[in-house]
Amino acid sequence: MSAIKPPHGFRLAYARDLKSSEWAKFGTQARAPEFLKQCAYADPNNIRVIERDGRECIFVRAK
């Protein structure tokens, strides 16, 4: 399984295998992954969810 590169200007917040319900957290996150996934649809300029190669990753805009 290859790593998913973050889009330019974003950093990895959470990642998980699609078969797993448990998320791995990267850095300090103020919001839960499910909340960020909901926000990604309303604000794709600041939050992105990418599914590829059996992995789901949530990226947030880097400050």
PDB file of N, CA and C in Angstrom:
ATOM      1  N   MET A   1       0.845  -1.171   0.000  1.00  0.00           N
ATOM      2  CA  MET A   1       0.000   0.000   0.000  1.00  0.00           C
ATOM      3  C   MET A   1       0.897   1.243   0.000  1.00  0.00           C
ATOM      4  N   SER A   2       0.700   2.117  -0.952  1.00  0.00           N
ATOM      5  CA  SER A   2       1.523   3.315  -1.034  1.00  0.00           C
ATOM      6  C   SER A   2       0.908   4.441  -0.201  1.00  0.00           C
ATOM      7  N   ALA A   3       1.766   5.353   0.181  1.00  0.00           N
ATOM      8  CA  ALA A   3       1.303   6.493   0.974  1.00  0.00           C
ATOM      9  C   ALA A   3       0.554   7.475   0.079  1.00  0.00           C
ATOM     10  N   ILE A   4      -0.446   8.108   0.628  1.00  0.00           N
ATOM     11  CA  ILE A   4      -1.189   9.138  -0.092  1.00  0.00           C
ATOM     12  C   ILE A   4      -0.531  10.474   0.222  1.00  0.00           C
ATOM     13  N   LYS A   5      -0.068  11.155  -0.811  1.00  0.00           N
ATOM     14  CA  LYS A   5       0.584  12.447  -0.613  1.00  0.00           C
ATOM     15  C   LYS A   5      -0.468  13.517  -0.336  1.00  0.00           C
ATOM     16  N   PRO A   6      -0.181  14.402   0.606  1.00  0.00           N
ATOM     17  CA  PRO A   6      -1.136  15.475   0.888  1.00  0.00           C
ATOM     18  C   PRO A   6      -1.220  16.448  -0.285  1.00  0.00           C
ATOM     19  N   PRO A   7      -2.394  16.982  -0.544  1.00  0.00           N
ATOM     20  CA  PRO A   7      -2.501  18.040  -1.549  1.00  0.00           C
ATOM     21  C   PRO A   7      -1.642  19.230  -1.114  1.00  0.00           C
ATOM     22  N   HIS A   8      -1.189  20.027  -2.070  1.00  0.00           N
ATOM     23  CA  HIS A   8      -0.346  21.185  -1.765  1.00  0.00           C
ATOM     24  C   HIS A   8      -1.050  22.111  -0.762  1.00  0.00           C
ATOM     25  N   GLY A   9      -0.337  22.459   0.301  1.00  0.00           N
ATOM     26  CA  GLY A   9      -0.880  23.363   1.309  1.00  0.00           C
ATOM     27  C   GLY A   9      -1.681  22.684   2.404  1.00  0.00           C
ATOM     28  N   PHE A  10      -1.734  21.344   2.390  1.00  0.00           N
ATOM     29  CA  PHE A  10      -2.485  20.590   3.389  1.00  0.00           C
ATOM     30  C   PHE A  10      -1.542  19.712   4.201  1.00  0.00           C
ATOM     31  N   ARG A  11      -2.014  19.295   5.375  1.00  0.00           N
ATOM     32  CA  ARG A  11      -1.263  18.337   6.198  1.00  0.00           C
ATOM     33  C   ARG A  11      -2.208  17.217   6.612  1.00  0.00           C
ATOM     34  N   LEU A  12      -1.634  16.060   6.876  1.00  0.00           N
ATOM     35  CA  LEU A  12      -2.416  14.892   7.265  1.00  0.00           C
ATOM     36  C   LEU A  12      -2.926  15.054   8.690  1.00  0.00           C
ATOM     37  N   ALA A  13      -4.219  14.843   8.884  1.00  0.00           N
ATOM     38  CA  ALA A  13      -4.828  14.930  10.213  1.00  0.00           C
ATOM     39  C   ALA A  13      -5.159  13.539  10.748  1.00  0.00           C
ATOM     40  N   TYR A  14      -5.820  12.710   9.918  1.00  0.00           N
ATOM     41  CA  TYR A  14      -6.217  11.362  10.311  1.00  0.00           C
ATOM     42  C   TYR A  14      -6.055  10.419   9.128  1.00  0.00           C
ATOM     43  N   ALA A  15      -5.839   9.138   9.445  1.00  0.00           N
ATOM     44  CA  ALA A  15      -5.791   8.105   8.403  1.00  0.00           C
ATOM     45  C   ALA A  15      -6.282   6.792   8.999  1.00  0.00           C
ATOM     46  N   ARG A  16      -6.832   5.939   8.115  1.00  0.00           N
ATOM     47  CA  ARG A  16      -7.255   4.609   8.545  1.00  0.00           C
ATOM     48  C   ARG A  16      -7.368   3.718   7.318  1.00  0.00           C
ATOM     49  N   ASP A  17      -7.287   2.401   7.545  1.00  0.00           N
ATOM     50  CA  ASP A  17      -7.615   1.441   6.504  1.00  0.00           C
ATOM     51  C   ASP A  17      -9.131   1.403   6.416  1.00  0.00           C
ATOM     52  N   LEU A  18      -9.653   1.234   5.217  1.00  0.00           N
ATOM     53  CA  LEU A  18     -11.107   1.230   5.054  1.00  0.00           C
ATOM     54  C   LEU A  18     -11.770   0.078   5.796  1.00  0.00           C
ATOM     55  N   LYS A  19     -11.028  -0.987   6.070  1.00  0.00           N
ATOM     56  CA  LYS A  19     -11.578  -2.132   6.803  1.00  0.00           C
ATOM     57  C   LYS A  19     -11.634  -1.874   8.304  1.00  0.00           C
ATOM     58  N   SER A  20     -10.961  -0.830   8.750  1.00  0.00           N
ATOM     59  CA  SER A  20     -10.866  -0.533  10.175  1.00  0.00           C
ATOM     60  C   SER A  20     -11.809   0.606  10.552  1.00  0.00           C
ATOM     61  N   SER A  21     -12.278   0.570  11.782  1.00  0.00           N
ATOM     62  CA  SER A  21     -13.103   1.679  12.271  1.00  0.00           C
ATOM     63  C   SER A  21     -12.260   2.658  13.086  1.00  0.00           C
ATOM     64  N   GLU A  22     -11.018   2.283  13.372  1.00  0.00           N
ATOM     65  CA  GLU A  22     -10.149   3.098  14.208  1.00  0.00           C
ATOM     66  C   GLU A  22      -9.269   4.026  13.368  1.00  0.00           C
ATOM     67  N   TRP A  23      -9.245   5.297  13.737  1.00  0.00           N
ATOM     68  CA  TRP A  23      -8.454   6.297  13.034  1.00  0.00           C
ATOM     69  C   TRP A  23      -7.118   6.497  13.734  1.00  0.00           C
ATOM     70  N   ALA A  24      -6.058   6.722  12.956  1.00  0.00           N
ATOM     71  CA  ALA A  24      -4.760   7.135  13.492  1.00  0.00           C
ATOM     72  C   ALA A  24      -4.716   8.656  13.416  1.00  0.00           C
ATOM     73  N   LYS A  25      -4.341   9.295  14.523  1.00  0.00           N
ATOM     74  CA  LYS A  25      -4.318  10.759  14.587  1.00  0.00           C
ATOM     75  C   LYS A  25      -2.889  11.247  14.385  1.00  0.00           C
ATOM     76  N   PHE A  26      -2.732  12.306  13.591  1.00  0.00           N
ATOM     77  CA  PHE A  26      -1.426  12.892  13.332  1.00  0.00           C
ATOM     78  C   PHE A  26      -1.433  14.321  13.842  1.00  0.00           C
ATOM     79  N   GLY A  27      -0.581  14.605  14.812  1.00  0.00           N
ATOM     80  CA  GLY A  27      -0.550  15.935  15.405  1.00  0.00           C
ATOM     81  C   GLY A  27      -1.709  16.125  16.374  1.00  0.00           C
ATOM     82  N   THR A  28      -1.900  17.358  16.789  1.00  0.00           N
ATOM     83  CA  THR A  28      -2.979  17.709  17.706  1.00  0.00           C
ATOM     84  C   THR A  28      -4.188  18.150  16.896  1.00  0.00           C
ATOM     85  N   GLN A  29      -5.291  17.453  17.077  1.00  0.00           N
ATOM     86  CA  GLN A  29      -6.506  17.759  16.319  1.00  0.00           C
ATOM     87  C   GLN A  29      -7.602  18.218  17.277  1.00  0.00           C
ATOM     88  N   ALA A  30      -8.216  19.329  16.952  1.00  0.00           N
ATOM     89  CA  ALA A  30      -9.283  19.870  17.792  1.00  0.00           C
ATOM     90  C   ALA A  30     -10.632  19.212  17.512  1.00  0.00           C
ATOM     91  N   ARG A  31     -10.765  18.582  16.356  1.00  0.00           N
ATOM     92  CA  ARG A  31     -12.044  17.989  15.947  1.00  0.00           C
ATOM     93  C   ARG A  31     -11.899  16.500  15.679  1.00  0.00           C
ATOM     94  N   ALA A  32     -12.991  15.778  15.861  1.00  0.00           N
ATOM     95  CA  ALA A  32     -13.025  14.334  15.604  1.00  0.00           C
ATOM     96  C   ALA A  32     -13.059  14.081  14.092  1.00  0.00           C
ATOM     97  N   PRO A  33     -12.577  12.910  13.651  1.00  0.00           N
ATOM     98  CA  PRO A  33     -12.541  12.632  12.213  1.00  0.00           C
ATOM     99  C   PRO A  33     -13.911  12.658  11.544  1.00  0.00           C
ATOM    100  N   GLU A  34     -14.938  12.161  12.192  1.00  0.00           N
ATOM    101  CA  GLU A  34     -16.271  12.158  11.576  1.00  0.00           C
ATOM    102  C   GLU A  34     -16.785  13.585  11.369  1.00  0.00           C
ATOM    103  N   PHE A  35     -16.496  14.463  12.316  1.00  0.00           N
ATOM    104  CA  PHE A  35     -16.882  15.866  12.169  1.00  0.00           C
ATOM    105  C   PHE A  35     -16.151  16.499  10.987  1.00  0.00           C
ATOM    106  N   LEU A  36     -14.846  16.229  10.867  1.00  0.00           N
ATOM    107  CA  LEU A  36     -14.069  16.782   9.756  1.00  0.00           C
ATOM    108  C   LEU A  36     -14.569  16.263   8.413  1.00  0.00           C
ATOM    109  N   LYS A  37     -14.968  14.990   8.361  1.00  0.00           N
ATOM    110  CA  LYS A  37     -15.501  14.436   7.113  1.00  0.00           C
ATOM    111  C   LYS A  37     -16.768  15.176   6.696  1.00  0.00           C
ATOM    112  N   GLN A  38     -17.635  15.484   7.644  1.00  0.00           N
ATOM    113  CA  GLN A  38     -18.858  16.227   7.333  1.00  0.00           C
ATOM    114  C   GLN A  38     -18.529  17.638   6.851  1.00  0.00           C
ATOM    115  N   CYS A  39     -17.555  18.260   7.480  1.00  0.00           N
ATOM    116  CA  CYS A  39     -17.164  19.620   7.105  1.00  0.00           C
ATOM    117  C   CYS A  39     -16.496  19.669   5.735  1.00  0.00           C
ATOM    118  N   ALA A  40     -15.860  18.588   5.329  1.00  0.00           N
ATOM    119  CA  ALA A  40     -15.140  18.563   4.050  1.00  0.00           C
ATOM    120  C   ALA A  40     -16.070  18.813   2.877  1.00  0.00           C
ATOM    121  N   TYR A  41     -17.298  18.354   2.967  1.00  0.00           N
ATOM    122  CA  TYR A  41     -18.246  18.562   1.876  1.00  0.00           C
ATOM    123  C   TYR A  41     -18.666  20.027   1.775  1.00  0.00           C
ATOM    124  N   ALA A  42     -18.736  20.708   2.901  1.00  0.00           N
ATOM    125  CA  ALA A  42     -19.132  22.112   2.913  1.00  0.00           C
ATOM    126  C   ALA A  42     -17.948  23.049   2.659  1.00  0.00           C
ATOM    127  N   ASP A  43     -16.739  22.597   2.989  1.00  0.00           N
ATOM    128  CA  ASP A  43     -15.564  23.472   2.897  1.00  0.00           C
ATOM    129  C   ASP A  43     -14.352  22.730   2.327  1.00  0.00           C
ATOM    130  N   PRO A  44     -14.387  22.337   1.047  1.00  0.00           N
ATOM    131  CA  PRO A  44     -13.271  21.586   0.461  1.00  0.00           C
ATOM    132  C   PRO A  44     -11.991  22.406   0.313  1.00  0.00           C
ATOM    133  N   ASN A  45     -12.068  23.716   0.496  1.00  0.00           N
ATOM    134  CA  ASN A  45     -10.855  24.534   0.427  1.00  0.00           C
ATOM    135  C   ASN A  45      -9.990  24.382   1.669  1.00  0.00           C
ATOM    136  N   ASN A  46     -10.569  23.902   2.769  1.00  0.00           N
ATOM    137  CA  ASN A  46      -9.821  23.770   4.019  1.00  0.00           C
ATOM    138  C   ASN A  46      -9.707  22.342   4.532  1.00  0.00           C
ATOM    139  N   ILE A  47     -10.579  21.450   4.079  1.00  0.00           N
ATOM    140  CA  ILE A  47     -10.563  20.051   4.535  1.00  0.00           C
ATOM    141  C   ILE A  47     -10.788  19.157   3.321  1.00  0.00           C
ATOM    142  N   ARG A  48      -9.952  18.129   3.183  1.00  0.00           N
ATOM    143  CA  ARG A  48     -10.111  17.189   2.069  1.00  0.00           C
ATOM    144  C   ARG A  48     -10.086  15.765   2.604  1.00  0.00           C
ATOM    145  N   VAL A  49     -10.965  14.921   2.053  1.00  0.00           N
ATOM    146  CA  VAL A  49     -10.996  13.496   2.372  1.00  0.00           C
ATOM    147  C   VAL A  49     -10.649  12.755   1.091  1.00  0.00           C
ATOM    148  N   ILE A  50      -9.629  11.903   1.162  1.00  0.00           N
ATOM    149  CA  ILE A  50      -9.179  11.160  -0.013  1.00  0.00           C
ATOM    150  C   ILE A  50      -9.179   9.677   0.316  1.00  0.00           C
ATOM    151  N   GLU A  51      -9.804   8.883  -0.547  1.00  0.00           N
ATOM    152  CA  GLU A  51      -9.796   7.422  -0.429  1.00  0.00           C
ATOM    153  C   GLU A  51      -9.032   6.866  -1.615  1.00  0.00           C
ATOM    154  N   ARG A  52      -8.002   6.056  -1.316  1.00  0.00           N
ATOM    155  CA  ARG A  52      -7.221   5.441  -2.376  1.00  0.00           C
ATOM    156  C   ARG A  52      -6.479   4.231  -1.813  1.00  0.00           C
ATOM    157  N   ASP A  53      -6.379   3.188  -2.613  1.00  0.00           N
ATOM    158  CA  ASP A  53      -5.623   1.984  -2.243  1.00  0.00           C
ATOM    159  C   ASP A  53      -6.054   1.405  -0.900  1.00  0.00           C
ATOM    160  N   GLY A  54      -7.351   1.430  -0.610  1.00  0.00           N
ATOM    161  CA  GLY A  54      -7.859   0.842   0.623  1.00  0.00           C
ATOM    162  C   GLY A  54      -7.618   1.673   1.865  1.00  0.00           C
ATOM    163  N   ARG A  55      -7.247   2.924   1.687  1.00  0.00           N
ATOM    164  CA  ARG A  55      -6.960   3.804   2.815  1.00  0.00           C
ATOM    165  C   ARG A  55      -7.766   5.089   2.674  1.00  0.00           C
ATOM    166  N   GLU A  56      -8.205   5.606   3.799  1.00  0.00           N
ATOM    167  CA  GLU A  56      -8.934   6.873   3.827  1.00  0.00           C
ATOM    168  C   GLU A  56      -8.124   7.863   4.655  1.00  0.00           C
ATOM    169  N   CYS A  57      -7.889   9.050   4.103  1.00  0.00           N
ATOM    170  CA  CYS A  57      -7.107  10.071   4.795  1.00  0.00           C
ATOM    171  C   CYS A  57      -7.871  11.384   4.822  1.00  0.00           C
ATOM    172  N   ILE A  58      -7.741  12.084   5.934  1.00  0.00           N
ATOM    173  CA  ILE A  58      -8.333  13.410   6.080  1.00  0.00           C
ATOM    174  C   ILE A  58      -7.179  14.405   6.176  1.00  0.00           C
ATOM    175  N   PHE A  59      -7.208  15.394   5.290  1.00  0.00           N
ATOM    176  CA  PHE A  59      -6.190  16.435   5.267  1.00  0.00           C
ATOM    177  C   PHE A  59      -6.832  17.761   5.636  1.00  0.00           C
ATOM    178  N   VAL A  60      -6.101  18.574   6.397  1.00  0.00           N
ATOM    179  CA  VAL A  60      -6.575  19.909   6.750  1.00  0.00           C
ATOM    180  C   VAL A  60      -5.576  20.932   6.227  1.00  0.00           C
ATOM    181  N   ARG A  61      -6.077  22.122   5.959  1.00  0.00           N
ATOM    182  CA  ARG A  61      -5.218  23.195   5.444  1.00  0.00           C
ATOM    183  C   ARG A  61      -4.119  23.484   6.460  1.00  0.00           C
ATOM    184  N   ALA A  62      -2.876  23.533   5.992  1.00  0.00           N
ATOM    185  CA  ALA A  62      -1.743  23.857   6.863  1.00  0.00           C
ATOM    186  C   ALA A  62      -1.756  25.355   7.149  1.00  0.00           C
ATOM    187  N   LYS A  63      -1.445  25.709   8.360  1.00  0.00           N
ATOM    188  CA  LYS A  63      -1.445  27.131   8.746  1.00  0.00           C
ATOM    189  C   LYS A  63      -0.139  27.769   8.373  1.00  0.00           C
TER     190      LYS A  63
END
